[in-house]
Amino acid sequence: AFLQSEDWRGLTHVELRGIMCMASFTDDVNLIRREFTRAHDFFHWARQMCFSTSPEFNICSWGMTHDYPLALECGSNMVRIGTQIFGEREY
């Protein structure tokens, strides 16, 4: 709804570069794959419908330490792997 309203075009100091999503916190690989695929489909829709003249709209960010290989299979070009690098957080 936000993209379709085109209100974002008036945000002169904001540059939308792509989309980011997080999959459900589950071990169900099929569910995660569906969510990443849906994100990829939405990215292509948004690029075609709203950003066709914006080459900088090119970021597909989904996937974290536990699911990044699947995210890459599903078109992600930016993953978040902080746990892999820094270890588990202690709260």
N, C-alpha and C. Protein backbone atom coordinates (compact mmCIF):
# COMPACT_ATOMS: atom_id res chain seq x y z
N ALA A 1 0.83 -1.19 0.00
CA ALA A 1 0.00 0.00 0.00
C ALA A 1 0.87 1.26 0.00
N PHE A 2 1.98 1.22 0.74
CA PHE A 2 2.87 2.37 0.81
C PHE A 2 3.42 2.72 -0.57
N LEU A 3 3.90 1.74 -1.31
CA LEU A 3 4.45 2.02 -2.64
C LEU A 3 3.37 2.48 -3.59
N GLN A 4 2.20 1.87 -3.53
CA GLN A 4 1.12 2.22 -4.43
C GLN A 4 0.59 3.63 -4.17
N SER A 5 0.66 4.10 -2.93
CA SER A 5 0.19 5.45 -2.61
C SER A 5 1.10 6.52 -3.20
N GLU A 6 2.32 6.16 -3.45
CA GLU A 6 3.36 7.04 -3.98
C GLU A 6 3.71 8.19 -3.04
N ASP A 7 3.27 8.11 -1.78
CA ASP A 7 3.67 9.11 -0.79
C ASP A 7 5.18 9.15 -0.63
N TRP A 8 5.83 8.02 -0.83
CA TRP A 8 7.28 7.92 -0.67
C TRP A 8 8.03 8.82 -1.64
N ARG A 9 7.42 9.16 -2.76
CA ARG A 9 8.12 10.01 -3.74
C ARG A 9 8.40 11.40 -3.18
N GLY A 10 7.64 11.82 -2.19
CA GLY A 10 7.85 13.13 -1.57
C GLY A 10 8.93 13.15 -0.51
N LEU A 11 9.50 12.02 -0.20
CA LEU A 11 10.55 11.92 0.83
C LEU A 11 11.89 12.28 0.19
N THR A 12 12.20 13.55 0.16
CA THR A 12 13.37 14.01 -0.61
C THR A 12 14.71 13.56 -0.04
N HIS A 13 14.76 13.23 1.24
CA HIS A 13 16.03 12.81 1.84
C HIS A 13 16.08 11.31 2.11
N VAL A 14 15.20 10.57 1.45
CA VAL A 14 15.15 9.12 1.61
C VAL A 14 15.28 8.49 0.23
N GLU A 15 16.16 7.51 0.11
CA GLU A 15 16.32 6.80 -1.15
C GLU A 15 16.03 5.32 -0.89
N LEU A 16 14.95 4.82 -1.45
CA LEU A 16 14.62 3.41 -1.30
C LEU A 16 15.54 2.60 -2.21
N ARG A 17 16.24 1.63 -1.63
CA ARG A 17 17.24 0.87 -2.36
C ARG A 17 16.83 -0.56 -2.66
N GLY A 18 15.78 -1.05 -1.99
CA GLY A 18 15.35 -2.43 -2.19
C GLY A 18 14.41 -2.84 -1.09
N ILE A 19 14.34 -4.15 -0.86
CA ILE A 19 13.47 -4.64 0.21
C ILE A 19 14.26 -5.55 1.13
N MET A 20 13.75 -5.67 2.34
CA MET A 20 14.36 -6.53 3.35
C MET A 20 13.23 -7.31 4.00
N CYS A 21 13.46 -8.57 4.26
CA CYS A 21 12.46 -9.36 4.99
C CYS A 21 13.16 -10.36 5.88
N MET A 22 12.42 -10.83 6.85
CA MET A 22 12.89 -11.91 7.73
C MET A 22 11.88 -13.04 7.60
N ALA A 23 12.38 -14.24 7.48
CA ALA A 23 11.51 -15.41 7.42
C ALA A 23 11.00 -15.74 8.81
N SER A 24 9.97 -16.54 8.85
CA SER A 24 9.45 -17.03 10.13
C SER A 24 10.56 -17.76 10.87
N PHE A 25 10.53 -17.69 12.19
CA PHE A 25 11.52 -18.39 13.01
C PHE A 25 11.05 -19.83 13.18
N THR A 26 11.48 -20.68 12.25
CA THR A 26 11.01 -22.06 12.20
C THR A 26 12.07 -22.93 11.56
N ASP A 27 11.95 -24.23 11.77
CA ASP A 27 12.82 -25.19 11.08
C ASP A 27 12.19 -25.69 9.78
N ASP A 28 11.01 -25.19 9.44
CA ASP A 28 10.28 -25.61 8.25
C ASP A 28 10.90 -24.95 7.01
N VAL A 29 11.81 -25.67 6.37
CA VAL A 29 12.54 -25.14 5.21
C VAL A 29 11.59 -24.76 4.08
N ASN A 30 10.53 -25.52 3.90
CA ASN A 30 9.58 -25.21 2.83
C ASN A 30 8.88 -23.89 3.07
N LEU A 31 8.51 -23.61 4.32
CA LEU A 31 7.88 -22.33 4.65
C LEU A 31 8.86 -21.18 4.41
N ILE A 32 10.09 -21.34 4.86
CA ILE A 32 11.09 -20.30 4.66
C ILE A 32 11.32 -20.06 3.17
N ARG A 33 11.41 -21.11 2.40
CA ARG A 33 11.60 -20.97 0.95
C ARG A 33 10.44 -20.20 0.33
N ARG A 34 9.22 -20.51 0.73
CA ARG A 34 8.04 -19.79 0.20
C ARG A 34 8.11 -18.31 0.55
N GLU A 35 8.51 -18.01 1.78
CA GLU A 35 8.59 -16.61 2.19
C GLU A 35 9.67 -15.86 1.43
N PHE A 36 10.82 -16.47 1.25
CA PHE A 36 11.89 -15.82 0.49
C PHE A 36 11.50 -15.67 -0.98
N THR A 37 10.84 -16.66 -1.53
CA THR A 37 10.40 -16.58 -2.92
C THR A 37 9.37 -15.46 -3.08
N ARG A 38 8.48 -15.34 -2.11
CA ARG A 38 7.48 -14.27 -2.17
C ARG A 38 8.16 -12.90 -2.08
N ALA A 39 9.18 -12.78 -1.24
CA ALA A 39 9.93 -11.53 -1.15
C ALA A 39 10.60 -11.21 -2.49
N HIS A 40 11.17 -12.22 -3.10
CA HIS A 40 11.83 -12.03 -4.40
C HIS A 40 10.83 -11.59 -5.46
N ASP A 41 9.67 -12.22 -5.47
CA ASP A 41 8.62 -11.84 -6.42
C ASP A 41 8.17 -10.40 -6.18
N PHE A 42 8.02 -10.02 -4.90
CA PHE A 42 7.61 -8.65 -4.58
C PHE A 42 8.68 -7.65 -5.02
N PHE A 43 9.94 -7.99 -4.81
CA PHE A 43 11.02 -7.11 -5.25
C PHE A 43 10.91 -6.85 -6.75
N HIS A 44 10.71 -7.90 -7.54
CA HIS A 44 10.62 -7.71 -8.99
C HIS A 44 9.39 -6.91 -9.38
N TRP A 45 8.28 -7.13 -8.69
CA TRP A 45 7.08 -6.33 -8.95
C TRP A 45 7.36 -4.86 -8.66
N ALA A 46 7.94 -4.57 -7.48
CA ALA A 46 8.21 -3.19 -7.08
C ALA A 46 9.18 -2.53 -8.05
N ARG A 47 10.20 -3.26 -8.45
CA ARG A 47 11.17 -2.68 -9.38
C ARG A 47 10.51 -2.34 -10.71
N GLN A 48 9.66 -3.22 -11.19
CA GLN A 48 9.00 -2.99 -12.47
C GLN A 48 7.95 -1.88 -12.38
N MET A 49 7.16 -1.89 -11.33
CA MET A 49 6.02 -0.98 -11.23
C MET A 49 6.39 0.40 -10.67
N CYS A 50 7.37 0.47 -9.80
CA CYS A 50 7.65 1.73 -9.10
C CYS A 50 9.06 2.27 -9.31
N PHE A 51 9.99 1.43 -9.68
CA PHE A 51 11.39 1.84 -9.73
C PHE A 51 12.05 1.51 -11.06
N SER A 52 11.29 1.49 -12.12
CA SER A 52 11.85 1.08 -13.41
C SER A 52 12.93 2.03 -13.91
N THR A 53 12.93 3.25 -13.42
CA THR A 53 13.97 4.21 -13.83
C THR A 53 14.99 4.45 -12.73
N SER A 54 15.03 3.57 -11.74
CA SER A 54 15.94 3.73 -10.60
C SER A 54 16.88 2.53 -10.49
N PRO A 55 18.02 2.56 -11.16
CA PRO A 55 18.94 1.42 -11.10
C PRO A 55 19.46 1.16 -9.69
N GLU A 56 19.39 2.17 -8.81
CA GLU A 56 19.86 1.98 -7.44
C GLU A 56 18.90 1.13 -6.60
N PHE A 57 17.70 0.86 -7.10
CA PHE A 57 16.78 -0.05 -6.40
C PHE A 57 17.19 -1.46 -6.79
N ASN A 58 18.14 -2.02 -6.04
CA ASN A 58 18.74 -3.29 -6.45
C ASN A 58 19.07 -4.22 -5.28
N ILE A 59 18.57 -3.91 -4.10
CA ILE A 59 18.93 -4.71 -2.93
C ILE A 59 17.80 -5.66 -2.54
N CYS A 60 18.14 -6.93 -2.49
CA CYS A 60 17.24 -8.00 -2.04
C CYS A 60 17.86 -8.54 -0.76
N SER A 61 17.37 -8.11 0.38
CA SER A 61 18.00 -8.49 1.64
C SER A 61 17.08 -9.39 2.45
N TRP A 62 17.39 -10.66 2.44
CA TRP A 62 16.74 -11.62 3.32
C TRP A 62 17.73 -12.73 3.58
N GLY A 63 17.58 -13.35 4.72
CA GLY A 63 18.49 -14.41 5.13
C GLY A 63 19.37 -13.96 6.28
N MET A 64 19.45 -14.83 7.27
CA MET A 64 20.28 -14.58 8.43
C MET A 64 21.17 -15.80 8.64
N THR A 65 21.94 -15.81 9.70
CA THR A 65 22.93 -16.86 9.93
C THR A 65 22.37 -18.25 9.71
N HIS A 66 21.18 -18.52 10.23
CA HIS A 66 20.63 -19.88 10.19
C HIS A 66 20.01 -20.26 8.84
N ASP A 67 19.73 -19.28 7.97
CA ASP A 67 19.05 -19.62 6.72
C ASP A 67 19.65 -18.94 5.48
N TYR A 68 20.84 -18.37 5.61
CA TYR A 68 21.38 -17.61 4.49
C TYR A 68 21.64 -18.44 3.23
N PRO A 69 22.04 -19.73 3.31
CA PRO A 69 22.22 -20.47 2.05
C PRO A 69 20.91 -20.55 1.25
N LEU A 70 19.81 -20.76 1.93
CA LEU A 70 18.51 -20.81 1.26
C LEU A 70 18.15 -19.42 0.72
N ALA A 71 18.46 -18.39 1.47
CA ALA A 71 18.18 -17.02 1.01
C ALA A 71 18.92 -16.72 -0.29
N LEU A 72 20.17 -17.14 -0.37
CA LEU A 72 20.95 -16.91 -1.59
C LEU A 72 20.35 -17.67 -2.76
N GLU A 73 19.88 -18.89 -2.51
CA GLU A 73 19.20 -19.66 -3.56
C GLU A 73 17.96 -18.92 -4.06
N CYS A 74 17.32 -18.18 -3.17
CA CYS A 74 16.06 -17.50 -3.50
C CYS A 74 16.27 -16.05 -3.91
N GLY A 75 17.48 -15.68 -4.28
CA GLY A 75 17.72 -14.37 -4.89
C GLY A 75 18.23 -13.27 -3.99
N SER A 76 18.51 -13.55 -2.74
CA SER A 76 19.04 -12.51 -1.86
C SER A 76 20.43 -12.09 -2.33
N ASN A 77 20.71 -10.80 -2.24
CA ASN A 77 22.07 -10.33 -2.54
C ASN A 77 22.67 -9.58 -1.35
N MET A 78 21.99 -9.66 -0.20
CA MET A 78 22.52 -9.10 1.04
C MET A 78 21.96 -9.91 2.20
N VAL A 79 22.84 -10.59 2.93
CA VAL A 79 22.41 -11.40 4.07
C VAL A 79 22.97 -10.80 5.36
N ARG A 80 22.32 -11.14 6.46
CA ARG A 80 22.74 -10.64 7.77
C ARG A 80 23.23 -11.84 8.58
N ILE A 81 24.54 -11.90 8.79
CA ILE A 81 25.13 -13.08 9.43
C ILE A 81 25.92 -12.71 10.68
N GLY A 82 25.38 -11.79 11.46
CA GLY A 82 26.07 -11.34 12.67
C GLY A 82 26.34 -12.45 13.67
N THR A 83 25.38 -13.36 13.84
CA THR A 83 25.58 -14.46 14.79
C THR A 83 26.73 -15.34 14.34
N GLN A 84 26.86 -15.56 13.05
CA GLN A 84 27.95 -16.36 12.50
C GLN A 84 29.30 -15.69 12.79
N ILE A 85 29.32 -14.38 12.73
CA ILE A 85 30.57 -13.64 12.94
C ILE A 85 30.87 -13.43 14.42
N PHE A 86 29.87 -12.97 15.17
CA PHE A 86 30.09 -12.54 16.55
C PHE A 86 29.63 -13.53 17.60
N GLY A 87 28.88 -14.56 17.21
CA GLY A 87 28.36 -15.52 18.17
C GLY A 87 26.98 -15.15 18.67
N GLU A 88 26.40 -16.06 19.42
CA GLU A 88 25.06 -15.85 19.99
C GLU A 88 25.07 -14.69 20.97
N ARG A 89 23.99 -13.95 20.98
CA ARG A 89 23.84 -12.88 21.97
C ARG A 89 23.39 -13.47 23.30
N GLU A 90 23.81 -12.84 24.35
CA GLU A 90 23.33 -13.21 25.68
C GLU A 90 22.47 -12.07 26.19
N TYR A 91 21.23 -12.39 26.53
CA TYR A 91 20.30 -11.35 26.99
C TYR A 91 20.15 -11.40 28.48
